[in-house]
């Protein structure tokens, strides 16, 4: 990817944080993992090339227009996709739900189910 024909394409040597990725990315092509979903929720035009059965979260993001799934990509499709889509605002509602879910999981793991329920009641 260091050849002249790839000018304008950045292939990072070091891992990128999600913040770095979101600020520099005009298109995200991912294999269907967590970062693919995060990019979609942040409103970055996202293509998933995941080869297996899609999870419900992927189907939801696709149905809502925040992610497109193709098992095989061509340069022509990517060019048409880039010409047809625009960056969208982040899905704050999904970000809040994800944060609440992470908090719930953390509290259940740290305090146990019964203790967590008692702590939430306070």
PDB file of N, CA and C in Angstrom:
ATOM      1  N   UNK A   1       0.807  -1.209   0.000  1.00  0.00           N
ATOM      2  CA  UNK A   1       0.000   0.000   0.000  1.00  0.00           C
ATOM      3  C   UNK A   1       0.843   1.262   0.000  1.00  0.00           C
ATOM      4  N   UNK A   2       2.128   1.082  -0.048  1.00  0.00           N
ATOM      5  CA  UNK A   2       3.011   2.243  -0.125  1.00  0.00           C
ATOM      6  C   UNK A   2       3.331   2.607  -1.567  1.00  0.00           C
ATOM      7  N   UNK A   3       2.804   1.832  -2.522  1.00  0.00           N
ATOM      8  CA  UNK A   3       3.028   2.117  -3.937  1.00  0.00           C
ATOM      9  C   UNK A   3       2.244   3.362  -4.343  1.00  0.00           C
ATOM     10  N   UNK A   4       2.713   4.024  -5.397  1.00  0.00           N
ATOM     11  CA  UNK A   4       2.094   5.268  -5.866  1.00  0.00           C
ATOM     12  C   UNK A   4       0.621   5.085  -6.215  1.00  0.00           C
ATOM     13  N   UNK A   5       0.232   3.924  -6.691  1.00  0.00           N
ATOM     14  CA  UNK A   5      -1.172   3.727  -7.079  1.00  0.00           C
ATOM     15  C   UNK A   5      -2.126   3.770  -5.886  1.00  0.00           C
ATOM     16  N   UNK A   6      -1.587   3.710  -4.680  1.00  0.00           N
ATOM     17  CA  UNK A   6      -2.424   3.785  -3.487  1.00  0.00           C
ATOM     18  C   UNK A   6      -2.346   5.146  -2.808  1.00  0.00           C
ATOM     19  N   UNK A   7      -1.824   6.160  -3.503  1.00  0.00           N
ATOM     20  CA  UNK A   7      -1.763   7.511  -2.931  1.00  0.00           C
ATOM     21  C   UNK A   7      -3.149   7.927  -2.456  1.00  0.00           C
ATOM     22  N   UNK A   8      -3.192   8.546  -1.303  1.00  0.00           N
ATOM     23  CA  UNK A   8      -4.463   8.992  -0.740  1.00  0.00           C
ATOM     24  C   UNK A   8      -5.098   7.974   0.187  1.00  0.00           C
ATOM     25  N   UNK A   9      -4.551   6.773   0.240  1.00  0.00           N
ATOM     26  CA  UNK A   9      -5.053   5.734   1.141  1.00  0.00           C
ATOM     27  C   UNK A   9      -4.090   5.628   2.305  1.00  0.00           C
ATOM     28  N   UNK A  10      -4.616   5.686   3.503  1.00  0.00           N
ATOM     29  CA  UNK A  10      -3.791   5.572   4.691  1.00  0.00           C
ATOM     30  C   UNK A  10      -3.955   4.174   5.275  1.00  0.00           C
ATOM     31  N   UNK A  11      -2.868   3.490   5.432  1.00  0.00           N
ATOM     32  CA  UNK A  11      -2.855   2.199   6.117  1.00  0.00           C
ATOM     33  C   UNK A  11      -2.027   2.411   7.373  1.00  0.00           C
ATOM     34  N   UNK A  12      -2.677   2.536   8.526  1.00  0.00           N
ATOM     35  CA  UNK A  12      -1.934   2.853   9.739  1.00  0.00           C
ATOM     36  C   UNK A  12      -1.013   1.706  10.158  1.00  0.00           C
ATOM     37  N   UNK A  13       0.129   2.078  10.685  1.00  0.00           N
ATOM     38  CA  UNK A  13       1.084   1.092  11.191  1.00  0.00           C
ATOM     39  C   UNK A  13       0.718   0.723  12.623  1.00  0.00           C
ATOM     40  N   UNK A  14       0.307   1.698  13.397  1.00  0.00           N
ATOM     41  CA  UNK A  14      -0.089   1.500  14.790  1.00  0.00           C
ATOM     42  C   UNK A  14      -1.611   1.410  14.875  1.00  0.00           C
ATOM     43  N   UNK A  15      -2.141   0.727  15.889  1.00  0.00           N
ATOM     44  CA  UNK A  15      -3.597   0.695  16.056  1.00  0.00           C
ATOM     45  C   UNK A  15      -4.155   2.097  16.262  1.00  0.00           C
ATOM     46  N   UNK A  16      -5.354   2.338  15.744  1.00  0.00           N
ATOM     47  CA  UNK A  16      -6.022   3.622  15.904  1.00  0.00           C
ATOM     48  C   UNK A  16      -7.077   3.529  16.991  1.00  0.00           C
ATOM     49  N   UNK A  17      -7.227   4.607  17.739  1.00  0.00           N
ATOM     50  CA  UNK A  17      -8.348   4.674  18.666  1.00  0.00           C
ATOM     51  C   UNK A  17      -9.608   4.970  17.858  1.00  0.00           C
ATOM     52  N   UNK A  18     -10.743   4.718  18.439  1.00  0.00           N
ATOM     53  CA  UNK A  18     -12.000   4.997  17.754  1.00  0.00           C
ATOM     54  C   UNK A  18     -12.119   6.489  17.446  1.00  0.00           C
ATOM     55  N   UNK A  19     -11.657   7.346  18.346  1.00  0.00           N
ATOM     56  CA  UNK A  19     -11.715   8.786  18.124  1.00  0.00           C
ATOM     57  C   UNK A  19     -10.866   9.194  16.920  1.00  0.00           C
ATOM     58  N   UNK A  20      -9.679   8.611  16.812  1.00  0.00           N
ATOM     59  CA  UNK A  20      -8.808   8.917  15.678  1.00  0.00           C
ATOM     60  C   UNK A  20      -9.452   8.442  14.376  1.00  0.00           C
ATOM     61  N   UNK A  21     -10.016   7.277  14.424  1.00  0.00           N
ATOM     62  CA  UNK A  21     -10.660   6.714  13.241  1.00  0.00           C
ATOM     63  C   UNK A  21     -11.841   7.575  12.802  1.00  0.00           C
ATOM     64  N   UNK A  22     -12.691   7.913  13.735  1.00  0.00           N
ATOM     65  CA  UNK A  22     -13.915   8.663  13.409  1.00  0.00           C
ATOM     66  C   UNK A  22     -13.593  10.034  12.828  1.00  0.00           C
ATOM     67  N   UNK A  23     -12.548  10.662  13.312  1.00  0.00           N
ATOM     68  CA  UNK A  23     -12.239  12.010  12.830  1.00  0.00           C
ATOM     69  C   UNK A  23     -11.618  12.018  11.440  1.00  0.00           C
ATOM     70  N   UNK A  24     -11.011  10.915  11.018  1.00  0.00           N
ATOM     71  CA  UNK A  24     -10.282  10.885   9.747  1.00  0.00           C
ATOM     72  C   UNK A  24     -10.947  10.045   8.667  1.00  0.00           C
ATOM     73  N   UNK A  25     -12.033   9.404   8.969  1.00  0.00           N
ATOM     74  CA  UNK A  25     -12.579   8.374   8.099  1.00  0.00           C
ATOM     75  C   UNK A  25     -13.784   8.882   7.297  1.00  0.00           C
ATOM     76  N   UNK A  26     -13.727   8.728   5.984  1.00  0.00           N
ATOM     77  CA  UNK A  26     -14.882   9.063   5.152  1.00  0.00           C
ATOM     78  C   UNK A  26     -15.627   7.813   4.720  1.00  0.00           C
ATOM     79  N   UNK A  27     -15.016   6.656   4.883  1.00  0.00           N
ATOM     80  CA  UNK A  27     -15.632   5.359   4.585  1.00  0.00           C
ATOM     81  C   UNK A  27     -14.957   4.321   5.458  1.00  0.00           C
ATOM     82  N   UNK A  28     -15.770   3.463   6.073  1.00  0.00           N
ATOM     83  CA  UNK A  28     -15.223   2.368   6.874  1.00  0.00           C
ATOM     84  C   UNK A  28     -15.661   1.061   6.236  1.00  0.00           C
ATOM     85  N   UNK A  29     -14.688   0.216   5.913  1.00  0.00           N
ATOM     86  CA  UNK A  29     -14.972  -1.129   5.418  1.00  0.00           C
ATOM     87  C   UNK A  29     -14.437  -2.082   6.464  1.00  0.00           C
ATOM     88  N   UNK A  30     -15.332  -2.858   7.048  1.00  0.00           N
ATOM     89  CA  UNK A  30     -14.928  -3.753   8.119  1.00  0.00           C
ATOM     90  C   UNK A  30     -15.443  -5.157   7.914  1.00  0.00           C
ATOM     91  N   UNK A  31     -14.885  -6.058   8.683  1.00  0.00           N
ATOM     92  CA  UNK A  31     -15.246  -7.469   8.589  1.00  0.00           C
ATOM     93  C   UNK A  31     -16.427  -7.828   9.481  1.00  0.00           C
ATOM     94  N   UNK A  32     -17.147  -6.834   9.978  1.00  0.00           N
ATOM     95  CA  UNK A  32     -18.361  -7.105  10.732  1.00  0.00           C
ATOM     96  C   UNK A  32     -18.183  -7.141  12.234  1.00  0.00           C
ATOM     97  N   UNK A  33     -17.029  -6.766  12.735  1.00  0.00           N
ATOM     98  CA  UNK A  33     -16.797  -6.795  14.171  1.00  0.00           C
ATOM     99  C   UNK A  33     -17.254  -5.528  14.868  1.00  0.00           C
ATOM    100  N   UNK A  34     -16.815  -5.376  16.085  1.00  0.00           N
ATOM    101  CA  UNK A  34     -17.229  -4.259  16.931  1.00  0.00           C
ATOM    102  C   UNK A  34     -16.917  -2.913  16.293  1.00  0.00           C
ATOM    103  N   UNK A  35     -15.727  -2.758  15.723  1.00  0.00           N
ATOM    104  CA  UNK A  35     -15.386  -1.452  15.142  1.00  0.00           C
ATOM    105  C   UNK A  35     -16.283  -1.121  13.952  1.00  0.00           C
ATOM    106  N   UNK A  36     -16.713  -2.126  13.220  1.00  0.00           N
ATOM    107  CA  UNK A  36     -17.631  -1.888  12.099  1.00  0.00           C
ATOM    108  C   UNK A  36     -18.931  -1.306  12.628  1.00  0.00           C
ATOM    109  N   UNK A  37     -19.455  -1.888  13.676  1.00  0.00           N
ATOM    110  CA  UNK A  37     -20.709  -1.400  14.271  1.00  0.00           C
ATOM    111  C   UNK A  37     -20.514  -0.019  14.894  1.00  0.00           C
ATOM    112  N   UNK A  38     -19.386   0.202  15.550  1.00  0.00           N
ATOM    113  CA  UNK A  38     -19.124   1.510  16.154  1.00  0.00           C
ATOM    114  C   UNK A  38     -19.055   2.592  15.087  1.00  0.00           C
ATOM    115  N   UNK A  39     -18.391   2.308  13.978  1.00  0.00           N
ATOM    116  CA  UNK A  39     -18.309   3.290  12.889  1.00  0.00           C
ATOM    117  C   UNK A  39     -19.705   3.620  12.380  1.00  0.00           C
ATOM    118  N   UNK A  40     -20.532   2.601  12.208  1.00  0.00           N
ATOM    119  CA  UNK A  40     -21.898   2.823  11.720  1.00  0.00           C
ATOM    120  C   UNK A  40     -22.692   3.681  12.695  1.00  0.00           C
ATOM    121  N   UNK A  41     -22.594   3.384  13.984  1.00  0.00           N
ATOM    122  CA  UNK A  41     -23.331   4.144  14.998  1.00  0.00           C
ATOM    123  C   UNK A  41     -22.840   5.587  15.055  1.00  0.00           C
ATOM    124  N   UNK A  42     -21.555   5.806  14.762  1.00  0.00           N
ATOM    125  CA  UNK A  42     -21.016   7.163  14.743  1.00  0.00           C
ATOM    126  C   UNK A  42     -21.381   7.922  13.472  1.00  0.00           C
ATOM    127  N   UNK A  43     -22.057   7.244  12.544  1.00  0.00           N
ATOM    128  CA  UNK A  43     -22.534   7.910  11.340  1.00  0.00           C
ATOM    129  C   UNK A  43     -21.569   7.885  10.176  1.00  0.00           C
ATOM    130  N   UNK A  44     -20.467   7.169  10.306  1.00  0.00           N
ATOM    131  CA  UNK A  44     -19.507   7.039   9.211  1.00  0.00           C
ATOM    132  C   UNK A  44     -20.094   6.075   8.187  1.00  0.00           C
ATOM    133  N   UNK A  45     -20.103   6.420   6.908  1.00  0.00           N
ATOM    134  CA  UNK A  45     -20.571   5.460   5.902  1.00  0.00           C
ATOM    135  C   UNK A  45     -19.797   4.145   6.064  1.00  0.00           C
ATOM    136  N   UNK A  46     -20.538   3.059   6.257  1.00  0.00           N
ATOM    137  CA  UNK A  46     -19.926   1.794   6.659  1.00  0.00           C
ATOM    138  C   UNK A  46     -20.359   0.650   5.759  1.00  0.00           C
ATOM    139  N   UNK A  47     -19.378  -0.101   5.296  1.00  0.00           N
ATOM    140  CA  UNK A  47     -19.608  -1.327   4.543  1.00  0.00           C
ATOM    141  C   UNK A  47     -19.083  -2.494   5.365  1.00  0.00           C
ATOM    142  N   UNK A  48     -19.919  -3.494   5.572  1.00  0.00           N
ATOM    143  CA  UNK A  48     -19.493  -4.714   6.239  1.00  0.00           C
ATOM    144  C   UNK A  48     -19.325  -5.792   5.180  1.00  0.00           C
ATOM    145  N   UNK A  49     -18.196  -6.497   5.246  1.00  0.00           N
ATOM    146  CA  UNK A  49     -17.948  -7.603   4.329  1.00  0.00           C
ATOM    147  C   UNK A  49     -17.981  -8.941   5.068  1.00  0.00           C
ATOM    148  N   UNK A  50     -18.622  -8.956   6.220  1.00  0.00           N
ATOM    149  CA  UNK A  50     -18.701 -10.171   7.036  1.00  0.00           C
ATOM    150  C   UNK A  50     -19.264 -11.318   6.219  1.00  0.00           C
ATOM    151  N   UNK A  51     -18.646 -12.481   6.330  1.00  0.00           N
ATOM    152  CA  UNK A  51     -19.001 -13.620   5.490  1.00  0.00           C
ATOM    153  C   UNK A  51     -19.995 -14.584   6.142  1.00  0.00           C
ATOM    154  N   UNK A  52     -20.241 -14.457   7.430  1.00  0.00           N
ATOM    155  CA  UNK A  52     -21.135 -15.381   8.126  1.00  0.00           C
ATOM    156  C   UNK A  52     -22.539 -14.824   8.267  1.00  0.00           C
ATOM    157  N   UNK A  53     -23.341 -15.522   9.084  1.00  0.00           N
ATOM    158  CA  UNK A  53     -24.702 -15.070   9.369  1.00  0.00           C
ATOM    159  C   UNK A  53     -24.633 -13.787  10.197  1.00  0.00           C
ATOM    160  N   UNK A  54     -25.441 -12.809   9.821  1.00  0.00           N
ATOM    161  CA  UNK A  54     -25.421 -11.517  10.502  1.00  0.00           C
ATOM    162  C   UNK A  54     -26.097 -11.605  11.863  1.00  0.00           C
ATOM    163  N   UNK A  55     -25.562 -10.870  12.817  1.00  0.00           N
ATOM    164  CA  UNK A  55     -26.197 -10.744  14.126  1.00  0.00           C
ATOM    165  C   UNK A  55     -27.365  -9.770  14.027  1.00  0.00           C
ATOM    166  N   UNK A  56     -28.243  -9.822  15.009  1.00  0.00           N
ATOM    167  CA  UNK A  56     -29.406  -8.931  15.025  1.00  0.00           C
ATOM    168  C   UNK A  56     -28.976  -7.468  15.016  1.00  0.00           C
ATOM    169  N   UNK A  57     -27.902  -7.124  15.705  1.00  0.00           N
ATOM    170  CA  UNK A  57     -27.446  -5.739  15.742  1.00  0.00           C
ATOM    171  C   UNK A  57     -27.027  -5.276  14.346  1.00  0.00           C
ATOM    172  N   UNK A  58     -26.401  -6.165  13.585  1.00  0.00           N
ATOM    173  CA  UNK A  58     -26.015  -5.817  12.213  1.00  0.00           C
ATOM    174  C   UNK A  58     -27.249  -5.602  11.348  1.00  0.00           C
ATOM    175  N   UNK A  59     -28.218  -6.491  11.470  1.00  0.00           N
ATOM    176  CA  UNK A  59     -29.463  -6.349  10.692  1.00  0.00           C
ATOM    177  C   UNK A  59     -30.168  -5.031  11.043  1.00  0.00           C
ATOM    178  N   UNK A  60     -30.165  -4.671  12.321  1.00  0.00           N
ATOM    179  CA  UNK A  60     -30.787  -3.418  12.747  1.00  0.00           C
ATOM    180  C   UNK A  60     -30.089  -2.230  12.087  1.00  0.00           C
ATOM    181  N   UNK A  61     -28.754  -2.207  12.143  1.00  0.00           N
ATOM    182  CA  UNK A  61     -28.003  -1.086  11.554  1.00  0.00           C
ATOM    183  C   UNK A  61     -28.207  -1.019  10.047  1.00  0.00           C
ATOM    184  N   UNK A  62     -28.311  -2.157   9.400  1.00  0.00           N
ATOM    185  CA  UNK A  62     -28.568  -2.195   7.962  1.00  0.00           C
ATOM    186  C   UNK A  62     -29.975  -1.677   7.675  1.00  0.00           C
ATOM    187  N   UNK A  63     -30.957  -2.173   8.431  1.00  0.00           N
ATOM    188  CA  UNK A  63     -32.349  -1.741   8.230  1.00  0.00           C
ATOM    189  C   UNK A  63     -32.525  -0.248   8.461  1.00  0.00           C
ATOM    190  N   UNK A  64     -31.746   0.319   9.383  1.00  0.00           N
ATOM    191  CA  UNK A  64     -31.836   1.748   9.687  1.00  0.00           C
ATOM    192  C   UNK A  64     -31.010   2.604   8.728  1.00  0.00           C
ATOM    193  N   UNK A  65     -30.294   1.966   7.818  1.00  0.00           N
ATOM    194  CA  UNK A  65     -29.506   2.704   6.837  1.00  0.00           C
ATOM    195  C   UNK A  65     -28.155   3.178   7.341  1.00  0.00           C
ATOM    196  N   UNK A  66     -27.683   2.639   8.448  1.00  0.00           N
ATOM    197  CA  UNK A  66     -26.396   3.061   8.993  1.00  0.00           C
ATOM    198  C   UNK A  66     -25.245   2.162   8.578  1.00  0.00           C
ATOM    199  N   UNK A  67     -25.566   1.042   7.923  1.00  0.00           N
ATOM    200  CA  UNK A  67     -24.517   0.131   7.480  1.00  0.00           C
ATOM    201  C   UNK A  67     -25.023  -0.606   6.251  1.00  0.00           C
ATOM    202  N   UNK A  68     -24.119  -0.942   5.352  1.00  0.00           N
ATOM    203  CA  UNK A  68     -24.448  -1.736   4.180  1.00  0.00           C
ATOM    204  C   UNK A  68     -23.612  -3.003   4.234  1.00  0.00           C
ATOM    205  N   UNK A  69     -24.220  -4.114   3.859  1.00  0.00           N
ATOM    206  CA  UNK A  69     -23.530  -5.394   3.908  1.00  0.00           C
ATOM    207  C   UNK A  69     -23.365  -5.953   2.500  1.00  0.00           C
ATOM    208  N   UNK A  70     -22.147  -6.303   2.163  1.00  0.00           N
ATOM    209  CA  UNK A  70     -21.834  -6.955   0.893  1.00  0.00           C
ATOM    210  C   UNK A  70     -20.719  -7.959   1.167  1.00  0.00           C
ATOM    211  N   UNK A  71     -20.909  -9.197   0.770  1.00  0.00           N
ATOM    212  CA  UNK A  71     -19.861 -10.185   0.995  1.00  0.00           C
ATOM    213  C   UNK A  71     -18.740 -10.056  -0.031  1.00  0.00           C
ATOM    214  N   UNK A  72     -19.036  -9.436  -1.171  1.00  0.00           N
ATOM    215  CA  UNK A  72     -18.015  -9.207  -2.189  1.00  0.00           C
ATOM    216  C   UNK A  72     -18.114  -7.744  -2.628  1.00  0.00           C
ATOM    217  N   UNK A  73     -16.984  -7.074  -2.600  1.00  0.00           N
ATOM    218  CA  UNK A  73     -16.945  -5.675  -3.012  1.00  0.00           C
ATOM    219  C   UNK A  73     -16.167  -5.536  -4.310  1.00  0.00           C
ATOM    220  N   UNK A  74     -16.601  -4.592  -5.097  1.00  0.00           N
ATOM    221  CA  UNK A  74     -15.834  -4.198  -6.281  1.00  0.00           C
ATOM    222  C   UNK A  74     -15.521  -2.714  -6.143  1.00  0.00           C
ATOM    223  N   UNK A  75     -14.518  -2.270  -6.864  1.00  0.00           N
ATOM    224  CA  UNK A  75     -14.183  -0.846  -6.849  1.00  0.00           C
ATOM    225  C   UNK A  75     -15.360  -0.029  -7.357  1.00  0.00           C
ATOM    226  N   UNK A  76     -16.082  -0.547  -8.352  1.00  0.00           N
ATOM    227  CA  UNK A  76     -17.240   0.169  -8.898  1.00  0.00           C
ATOM    228  C   UNK A  76     -18.318   0.345  -7.834  1.00  0.00           C
ATOM    229  N   UNK A  77     -18.587  -0.719  -7.059  1.00  0.00           N
ATOM    230  CA  UNK A  77     -19.599  -0.599  -6.007  1.00  0.00           C
ATOM    231  C   UNK A  77     -19.172   0.422  -4.960  1.00  0.00           C
ATOM    232  N   UNK A  78     -17.923   0.357  -4.539  1.00  0.00           N
ATOM    233  CA  UNK A  78     -17.430   1.288  -3.514  1.00  0.00           C
ATOM    234  C   UNK A  78     -17.535   2.724  -4.020  1.00  0.00           C
ATOM    235  N   UNK A  79     -17.160   2.976  -5.259  1.00  0.00           N
ATOM    236  CA  UNK A  79     -17.269   4.329  -5.820  1.00  0.00           C
ATOM    237  C   UNK A  79     -18.712   4.803  -5.872  1.00  0.00           C
ATOM    238  N   UNK A  80     -19.626   3.931  -6.304  1.00  0.00           N
ATOM    239  CA  UNK A  80     -21.054   4.303  -6.317  1.00  0.00           C
ATOM    240  C   UNK A  80     -21.561   4.558  -4.899  1.00  0.00           C
ATOM    241  N   UNK A  81     -21.161   3.716  -3.975  1.00  0.00           N
ATOM    242  CA  UNK A  81     -21.570   3.858  -2.574  1.00  0.00           C
ATOM    243  C   UNK A  81     -21.098   5.203  -2.020  1.00  0.00           C
ATOM    244  N   UNK A  82     -19.831   5.524  -2.246  1.00  0.00           N
ATOM    245  CA  UNK A  82     -19.299   6.804  -1.762  1.00  0.00           C
ATOM    246  C   UNK A  82     -20.019   7.988  -2.383  1.00  0.00           C
ATOM    247  N   UNK A  83     -20.419   7.864  -3.630  1.00  0.00           N
ATOM    248  CA  UNK A  83     -21.141   8.949  -4.282  1.00  0.00           C
ATOM    249  C   UNK A  83     -22.573   9.095  -3.806  1.00  0.00           C
ATOM    250  N   UNK A  84     -23.127   8.036  -3.234  1.00  0.00           N
ATOM    251  CA  UNK A  84     -24.536   8.046  -2.855  1.00  0.00           C
ATOM    252  C   UNK A  84     -24.781   8.303  -1.371  1.00  0.00           C
ATOM    253  N   UNK A  85     -23.789   8.084  -0.526  1.00  0.00           N
ATOM    254  CA  UNK A  85     -24.009   8.212   0.917  1.00  0.00           C
ATOM    255  C   UNK A  85     -23.306   9.439   1.466  1.00  0.00           C
ATOM    256  N   UNK A  86     -23.794   9.889   2.571  1.00  0.00           N
ATOM    257  CA  UNK A  86     -23.183  11.001   3.303  1.00  0.00           C
ATOM    258  C   UNK A  86     -23.031  10.595   4.760  1.00  0.00           C
ATOM    259  N   UNK A  87     -22.054  11.199   5.376  1.00  0.00           N
ATOM    260  CA  UNK A  87     -21.884  10.990   6.812  1.00  0.00           C
ATOM    261  C   UNK A  87     -23.152  11.448   7.520  1.00  0.00           C
ATOM    262  N   UNK A  88     -23.582  10.682   8.494  1.00  0.00           N
ATOM    263  CA  UNK A  88     -24.786  11.005   9.258  1.00  0.00           C
ATOM    264  C   UNK A  88     -24.384  11.396  10.677  1.00  0.00           C
ATOM    265  N   UNK A  89     -25.276  12.038  11.396  1.00  0.00           N
ATOM    266  CA  UNK A  89     -24.939  12.346  12.791  1.00  0.00           C
ATOM    267  C   UNK A  89     -24.859  11.061  13.609  1.00  0.00           C
ATOM    268  N   UNK A  90     -24.043  11.061  14.650  1.00  0.00           N
ATOM    269  CA  UNK A  90     -23.978   9.875  15.514  1.00  0.00           C
ATOM    270  C   UNK A  90     -25.352   9.540  16.085  1.00  0.00           C
ATOM    271  N   UNK A  91     -25.579   8.272  16.296  1.00  0.00           N
ATOM    272  CA  UNK A  91     -26.835   7.803  16.877  1.00  0.00           C
ATOM    273  C   UNK A  91     -26.723   7.891  18.394  1.00  0.00           C
ATOM    274  N   UNK A  92     -27.023   9.069  18.944  1.00  0.00           N
ATOM    275  CA  UNK A  92     -26.902   9.284  20.384  1.00  0.00           C
ATOM    276  C   UNK A  92     -27.756   8.312  21.183  1.00  0.00           C
ATOM    277  N   UNK A  93     -28.932   7.953  20.670  1.00  0.00           N
ATOM    278  CA  UNK A  93     -29.791   7.024  21.393  1.00  0.00           C
ATOM    279  C   UNK A  93     -29.117   5.659  21.542  1.00  0.00           C
ATOM    280  N   UNK A  94     -28.459   5.187  20.496  1.00  0.00           N
ATOM    281  CA  UNK A  94     -27.769   3.907  20.572  1.00  0.00           C
ATOM    282  C   UNK A  94     -26.519   3.998  21.430  1.00  0.00           C
ATOM    283  N   UNK A  95     -25.836   5.138  21.372  1.00  0.00           N
ATOM    284  CA  UNK A  95     -24.657   5.322  22.225  1.00  0.00           C
ATOM    285  C   UNK A  95     -25.061   5.303  23.701  1.00  0.00           C
ATOM    286  N   UNK A  96     -26.185   5.937  24.038  1.00  0.00           N
ATOM    287  CA  UNK A  96     -26.664   5.919  25.427  1.00  0.00           C
ATOM    288  C   UNK A  96     -27.060   4.509  25.849  1.00  0.00           C
ATOM    289  N   UNK A  97     -27.753   3.781  24.976  1.00  0.00           N
ATOM    290  CA  UNK A  97     -28.140   2.408  25.308  1.00  0.00           C
ATOM    291  C   UNK A  97     -26.908   1.527  25.498  1.00  0.00           C
ATOM    292  N   UNK A  98     -25.906   1.707  24.650  1.00  0.00           N
ATOM    293  CA  UNK A  98     -24.674   0.934  24.789  1.00  0.00           C
ATOM    294  C   UNK A  98     -23.960   1.241  26.088  1.00  0.00           C
ATOM    295  N   UNK A  99     -23.943   2.509  26.466  1.00  0.00           N
ATOM    296  CA  UNK A  99     -23.316   2.897  27.728  1.00  0.00           C
ATOM    297  C   UNK A  99     -24.065   2.295  28.914  1.00  0.00           C
ATOM    298  N   UNK A 100     -25.389   2.339  28.859  1.00  0.00           N
ATOM    299  CA  UNK A 100     -26.199   1.759  29.942  1.00  0.00           C
ATOM    300  C   UNK A 100     -25.993   0.246  30.019  1.00  0.00           C
ATOM    301  N   UNK A 101     -25.899  -0.418  28.872  1.00  0.00           N
ATOM    302  CA  UNK A 101     -25.678  -1.864  28.861  1.00  0.00           C
ATOM    303  C   UNK A 101     -24.312  -2.202  29.450  1.00  0.00           C
ATOM    304  N   UNK A 102     -23.287  -1.426  29.090  1.00  0.00           N
ATOM    305  CA  UNK A 102     -21.947  -1.668  29.632  1.00  0.00           C
ATOM    306  C   UNK A 102     -21.942  -1.485  31.148  1.00  0.00           C
ATOM    307  N   UNK A 103     -22.646  -0.463  31.638  1.00  0.00           N
ATOM    308  CA  UNK A 103     -22.732  -0.220  33.082  1.00  0.00           C
ATOM    309  C   UNK A 103     -23.443  -1.381  33.771  1.00  0.00           C
ATOM    310  N   UNK A 104     -24.518  -1.851  33.173  1.00  0.00           N
ATOM    311  CA  UNK A 104     -25.262  -2.976  33.746  1.00  0.00           C
ATOM    312  C   UNK A 104     -24.377  -4.214  33.834  1.00  0.00           C
ATOM    313  N   UNK A 105     -23.681  -4.532  32.762  1.00  0.00           N
ATOM    314  CA  UNK A 105     -22.803  -5.701  32.750  1.00  0.00           C
ATOM    315  C   UNK A 105     -21.712  -5.566  33.806  1.00  0.00           C
ATOM    316  N   UNK A 106     -21.102  -4.387  33.872  1.00  0.00           N
ATOM    317  CA  UNK A 106     -20.043  -4.160  34.864  1.00  0.00           C
ATOM    318  C   UNK A 106     -20.581  -4.341  36.273  1.00  0.00           C
ATOM    319  N   UNK A 107     -21.730  -3.755  36.565  1.00  0.00           N
ATOM    320  CA  UNK A 107     -22.284  -3.850  37.913  1.00  0.00           C
ATOM    321  C   UNK A 107     -22.696  -5.271  38.266  1.00  0.00           C
ATOM    322  N   UNK A 108     -23.261  -5.992  37.318  1.00  0.00           N
ATOM    323  CA  UNK A 108     -23.631  -7.383  37.587  1.00  0.00           C
ATOM    324  C   UNK A 108     -22.384  -8.209  37.852  1.00  0.00           C
ATOM    325  N   UNK A 109     -21.319  -7.989  37.073  1.00  0.00           N
ATOM    326  CA  UNK A 109     -20.087  -8.741  37.282  1.00  0.00           C
ATOM    327  C   UNK A 109     -19.416  -8.373  38.599  1.00  0.00           C
ATOM    328  N   UNK A 110     -19.442  -7.084  38.969  1.00  0.00           N
ATOM    329  CA  UNK A 110     -18.773  -6.652  40.195  1.00  0.00           C
ATOM    330  C   UNK A 110     -19.573  -6.962  41.451  1.00  0.00           C
ATOM    331  N   UNK A 111     -20.896  -6.784  41.371  1.00  0.00           N
ATOM    332  CA  UNK A 111     -21.710  -6.881  42.582  1.00  0.00           C
ATOM    333  C   UNK A 111     -22.587  -8.122  42.626  1.00  0.00           C
ATOM    334  N   UNK A 112     -22.687  -8.857  41.564  1.00  0.00           N
ATOM    335  CA  UNK A 112     -23.584 -10.008  41.530  1.00  0.00           C
ATOM    336  C   UNK A 112     -25.014  -9.546  41.294  1.00  0.00           C
ATOM    337  N   UNK A 113     -25.834 -10.421  40.802  1.00  0.00           N
ATOM    338  CA  UNK A 113     -27.202 -10.059  40.407  1.00  0.00           C
ATOM    339  C   UNK A 113     -28.012  -9.483  41.571  1.00  0.00           C
ATOM    340  N   UNK A 114     -28.079 -10.178  42.675  1.00  0.00           N
ATOM    341  CA  UNK A 114     -28.907  -9.724  43.793  1.00  0.00           C
ATOM    342  C   UNK A 114     -28.412  -8.422  44.396  1.00  0.00           C
ATOM    343  N   UNK A 115     -27.110  -8.326  44.586  1.00  0.00           N
ATOM    344  CA  UNK A 115     -26.546  -7.108  45.153  1.00  0.00           C
ATOM    345  C   UNK A 115     -26.724  -5.928  44.208  1.00  0.00           C
ATOM    346  N   UNK A 116     -26.622  -6.169  42.910  1.00  0.00           N
ATOM    347  CA  UNK A 116     -26.804  -5.090  41.939  1.00  0.00           C
ATOM    348  C   UNK A 116     -28.226  -4.570  42.021  1.00  0.00           C
ATOM    349  N   UNK A 117     -29.189  -5.495  42.092  1.00  0.00           N
ATOM    350  CA  UNK A 117     -30.584  -5.081  42.138  1.00  0.00           C
ATOM    351  C   UNK A 117     -30.837  -4.253  43.397  1.00  0.00           C
ATOM    352  N   UNK A 118     -30.262  -4.648  44.502  1.00  0.00           N
ATOM    353  CA  UNK A 118     -30.438  -3.896  45.750  1.00  0.00           C
ATOM    354  C   UNK A 118     -29.772  -2.529  45.641  1.00  0.00           C
ATOM    355  N   UNK A 119     -28.620  -2.465  45.037  1.00  0.00           N
ATOM    356  CA  UNK A 119     -27.914  -1.199  44.884  1.00  0.00           C
ATOM    357  C   UNK A 119     -28.709  -0.254  43.970  1.00  0.00           C
ATOM    358  N   UNK A 120     -29.311  -0.757  42.914  1.00  0.00           N
ATOM    359  CA  UNK A 120     -30.094   0.069  41.993  1.00  0.00           C
ATOM    360  C   UNK A 120     -31.331   0.624  42.677  1.00  0.00           C
ATOM    361  N   UNK A 121     -31.874  -0.101  43.641  1.00  0.00           N
ATOM    362  CA  UNK A 121     -33.086   0.340  44.333  1.00  0.00           C
ATOM    363  C   UNK A 121     -32.808   1.521  45.244  1.00  0.00           C
ATOM    364  N   UNK A 122     -31.547   1.726  45.647  1.00  0.00           N
ATOM    365  CA  UNK A 122     -31.215   2.836  46.567  1.00  0.00           C
ATOM    366  C   UNK A 122     -31.382   4.159  45.923  1.00  0.00           C
TER     367      UNK A 122
END
